Amino acid sequence: IKTRAVSAKQMPMSIPVQLLLLFASNQVGVVEPNLVCLDN
């Protein structure tokens, strides 16, 4: 979780990476208010 926040602040190009991680990880239940639950 902290990796996403840090990478997002450091590199703007890490945003698509976050989406890929979200798609690949279905077990991620804790979603920040800024992020949309892709599972649903």
PDB file of N, CA and C in Angstrom:
ATOM      1  N   ILE A   1       0.838  -1.198   0.000  1.00  0.00           N
ATOM      2  CA  ILE A   1       0.000   0.000   0.000  1.00  0.00           C
ATOM      3  C   ILE A   1       0.875   1.251   0.000  1.00  0.00           C
ATOM      4  N   LYS A   2       1.885   1.257   0.882  1.00  0.00           N
ATOM      5  CA  LYS A   2       2.767   2.426   0.972  1.00  0.00           C
ATOM      6  C   LYS A   2       3.548   2.608  -0.332  1.00  0.00           C
ATOM      7  N   THR A   3       3.809   1.495  -1.040  1.00  0.00           N
ATOM      8  CA  THR A   3       4.548   1.571  -2.300  1.00  0.00           C
ATOM      9  C   THR A   3       3.769   2.375  -3.335  1.00  0.00           C
ATOM     10  N   ARG A   4       2.451   2.150  -3.388  1.00  0.00           N
ATOM     11  CA  ARG A   4       1.623   2.869  -4.347  1.00  0.00           C
ATOM     12  C   ARG A   4       1.640   4.369  -4.068  1.00  0.00           C
ATOM     13  N   ALA A   5       1.501   4.715  -2.781  1.00  0.00           N
ATOM     14  CA  ALA A   5       1.467   6.129  -2.404  1.00  0.00           C
ATOM     15  C   ALA A   5       2.792   6.810  -2.728  1.00  0.00           C
ATOM     16  N   VAL A   6       3.900   6.164  -2.358  1.00  0.00           N
ATOM     17  CA  VAL A   6       5.230   6.729  -2.593  1.00  0.00           C
ATOM     18  C   VAL A   6       5.526   6.830  -4.087  1.00  0.00           C
ATOM     19  N   SER A   7       5.236   5.765  -4.839  1.00  0.00           N
ATOM     20  CA  SER A   7       5.527   5.756  -6.268  1.00  0.00           C
ATOM     21  C   SER A   7       4.671   6.786  -6.996  1.00  0.00           C
ATOM     22  N   ALA A   8       3.441   6.970  -6.520  1.00  0.00           N
ATOM     23  CA  ALA A   8       2.544   7.929  -7.156  1.00  0.00           C
ATOM     24  C   ALA A   8       3.074   9.350  -6.988  1.00  0.00           C
ATOM     25  N   LYS A   9       3.647   9.628  -5.816  1.00  0.00           N
ATOM     26  CA  LYS A   9       4.175  10.965  -5.560  1.00  0.00           C
ATOM     27  C   LYS A   9       5.496  11.175  -6.292  1.00  0.00           C
ATOM     28  N   GLN A  10       6.295  10.132  -6.406  1.00  0.00           N
ATOM     29  CA  GLN A  10       7.604  10.253  -7.048  1.00  0.00           C
ATOM     30  C   GLN A  10       7.479  10.268  -8.576  1.00  0.00           C
ATOM     31  N   MET A  11       6.789   9.295  -9.120  1.00  0.00           N
ATOM     32  CA  MET A  11       6.679   9.204 -10.575  1.00  0.00           C
ATOM     33  C   MET A  11       5.227   9.238 -11.040  1.00  0.00           C
ATOM     34  N   PRO A  12       4.868  10.204 -11.887  1.00  0.00           N
ATOM     35  CA  PRO A  12       3.519  10.286 -12.445  1.00  0.00           C
ATOM     36  C   PRO A  12       3.233   9.115 -13.378  1.00  0.00           C
ATOM     37  N   MET A  13       4.282   8.529 -13.939  1.00  0.00           N
ATOM     38  CA  MET A  13       4.108   7.417 -14.878  1.00  0.00           C
ATOM     39  C   MET A  13       3.840   6.114 -14.143  1.00  0.00           C
ATOM     40  N   SER A  14       3.824   6.170 -12.819  1.00  0.00           N
ATOM     41  CA  SER A  14       3.566   4.970 -12.026  1.00  0.00           C
ATOM     42  C   SER A  14       2.067   4.744 -11.876  1.00  0.00           C
ATOM     43  N   ILE A  15       1.273   5.724 -12.320  1.00  0.00           N
ATOM     44  CA  ILE A  15      -0.190   5.616 -12.209  1.00  0.00           C
ATOM     45  C   ILE A  15      -0.718   4.398 -12.962  1.00  0.00           C
ATOM     46  N   PRO A  16      -0.341   4.198 -14.249  1.00  0.00           N
ATOM     47  CA  PRO A  16      -0.793   2.992 -14.966  1.00  0.00           C
ATOM     48  C   PRO A  16      -0.318   1.719 -14.286  1.00  0.00           C
ATOM     49  N   VAL A  17       0.842   1.789 -13.645  1.00  0.00           N
ATOM     50  CA  VAL A  17       1.366   0.630 -12.912  1.00  0.00           C
ATOM     51  C   VAL A  17       0.432   0.284 -11.768  1.00  0.00           C
ATOM     52  N   GLN A  18      -0.094   1.299 -11.114  1.00  0.00           N
ATOM     53  CA  GLN A  18      -1.048   1.077 -10.025  1.00  0.00           C
ATOM     54  C   GLN A  18      -2.268   0.343 -10.545  1.00  0.00           C
ATOM     55  N   LEU A  19      -2.759   0.770 -11.699  1.00  0.00           N
ATOM     56  CA  LEU A  19      -3.939   0.134 -12.287  1.00  0.00           C
ATOM     57  C   LEU A  19      -3.656  -1.330 -12.590  1.00  0.00           C
ATOM     58  N   LEU A  20      -2.474  -1.605 -13.141  1.00  0.00           N
ATOM     59  CA  LEU A  20      -2.101  -2.989 -13.451  1.00  0.00           C
ATOM     60  C   LEU A  20      -2.044  -3.821 -12.186  1.00  0.00           C
ATOM     61  N   LEU A  21      -1.481  -3.237 -11.127  1.00  0.00           N
ATOM     62  CA  LEU A  21      -1.390  -3.951  -9.848  1.00  0.00           C
ATOM     63  C   LEU A  21      -2.782  -4.222  -9.302  1.00  0.00           C
ATOM     64  N   LEU A  22      -3.686  -3.259  -9.434  1.00  0.00           N
ATOM     65  CA  LEU A  22      -5.056  -3.425  -8.943  1.00  0.00           C
ATOM     66  C   LEU A  22      -5.750  -4.532  -9.725  1.00  0.00           C
ATOM     67  N   PHE A  23      -5.573  -4.546 -11.047  1.00  0.00           N
ATOM     68  CA  PHE A  23      -6.191  -5.578 -11.882  1.00  0.00           C
ATOM     69  C   PHE A  23      -5.633  -6.951 -11.540  1.00  0.00           C
ATOM     70  N   ALA A  24      -4.322  -7.011 -11.320  1.00  0.00           N
ATOM     71  CA  ALA A  24      -3.677  -8.289 -11.027  1.00  0.00           C
ATOM     72  C   ALA A  24      -4.022  -8.767  -9.623  1.00  0.00           C
ATOM     73  N   SER A  25      -4.180  -7.833  -8.691  1.00  0.00           N
ATOM     74  CA  SER A  25      -4.472  -8.213  -7.306  1.00  0.00           C
ATOM     75  C   SER A  25      -5.953  -8.055  -6.999  1.00  0.00           C
ATOM     76  N   ASN A  26      -6.650  -9.194  -6.952  1.00  0.00           N
ATOM     77  CA  ASN A  26      -8.072  -9.175  -6.625  1.00  0.00           C
ATOM     78  C   ASN A  26      -8.279  -9.200  -5.123  1.00  0.00           C
ATOM     79  N   GLN A  27      -7.220  -9.515  -4.378  1.00  0.00           N
ATOM     80  CA  GLN A  27      -7.326  -9.640  -2.931  1.00  0.00           C
ATOM     81  C   GLN A  27      -7.280  -8.273  -2.249  1.00  0.00           C
ATOM     82  N   VAL A  28      -6.955  -7.249  -3.010  1.00  0.00           N
ATOM     83  CA  VAL A  28      -6.875  -5.910  -2.416  1.00  0.00           C
ATOM     84  C   VAL A  28      -8.270  -5.409  -2.074  1.00  0.00           C
ATOM     85  N   GLY A  29      -8.622  -5.475  -0.793  1.00  0.00           N
ATOM     86  CA  GLY A  29      -9.954  -5.049  -0.354  1.00  0.00           C
ATOM     87  C   GLY A  29      -9.910  -3.635   0.187  1.00  0.00           C
ATOM     88  N   VAL A  30      -8.772  -3.261   0.771  1.00  0.00           N
ATOM     89  CA  VAL A  30      -8.649  -1.915   1.336  1.00  0.00           C
ATOM     90  C   VAL A  30      -8.320  -0.923   0.226  1.00  0.00           C
ATOM     91  N   VAL A  31      -9.291  -0.069  -0.078  1.00  0.00           N
ATOM     92  CA  VAL A  31      -9.094   0.904  -1.158  1.00  0.00           C
ATOM     93  C   VAL A  31      -9.237   2.323  -0.618  1.00  0.00           C
ATOM     94  N   GLU A  32      -8.289   3.172  -0.964  1.00  0.00           N
ATOM     95  CA  GLU A  32      -8.345   4.556  -0.496  1.00  0.00           C
ATOM     96  C   GLU A  32      -9.519   5.273  -1.160  1.00  0.00           C
ATOM     97  N   PRO A  33     -10.049   6.319  -0.496  1.00  0.00           N
ATOM     98  CA  PRO A  33     -11.189   7.068  -1.041  1.00  0.00           C
ATOM     99  C   PRO A  33     -10.893   7.647  -2.423  1.00  0.00           C
ATOM    100  N   ASN A  34      -9.640   7.894  -2.709  1.00  0.00           N
ATOM    101  CA  ASN A  34      -9.270   8.441  -4.016  1.00  0.00           C
ATOM    102  C   ASN A  34      -9.296   7.367  -5.106  1.00  0.00           C
ATOM    103  N   LEU A  35      -9.145   6.098  -4.675  1.00  0.00           N
ATOM    104  CA  LEU A  35      -9.113   5.008  -5.642  1.00  0.00           C
ATOM    105  C   LEU A  35     -10.485   4.371  -5.786  1.00  0.00           C
ATOM    106  N   VAL A  36     -10.803   3.916  -6.987  1.00  0.00           N
ATOM    107  CA  VAL A  36     -12.103   3.275  -7.222  1.00  0.00           C
ATOM    108  C   VAL A  36     -11.941   1.764  -7.184  1.00  0.00           C
ATOM    109  N   CYS A  37     -12.909   1.081  -6.564  1.00  0.00           N
ATOM    110  CA  CYS A  37     -12.845  -0.377  -6.438  1.00  0.00           C
ATOM    111  C   CYS A  37     -13.096  -1.013  -7.809  1.00  0.00           C
ATOM    112  N   LEU A  38     -12.056  -1.526  -8.457  1.00  0.00           N
ATOM    113  CA  LEU A  38     -12.200  -2.116  -9.785  1.00  0.00           C
ATOM    114  C   LEU A  38     -12.853  -3.491  -9.721  1.00  0.00           C
ATOM    115  N   ASP A  39     -12.746  -4.141  -8.554  1.00  0.00           N
ATOM    116  CA  ASP A  39     -13.321  -5.477  -8.415  1.00  0.00           C
ATOM    117  C   ASP A  39     -14.832  -5.435  -8.591  1.00  0.00           C
ATOM    118  N   ASN A  40     -15.441  -4.379  -8.070  1.00  0.00           N
ATOM    119  CA  ASN A  40     -16.893  -4.239  -8.168  1.00  0.00           C
ATOM    120  C   ASN A  40     -17.284  -3.673  -9.530  1.00  0.00           C
TER     121      ASN A  40
END
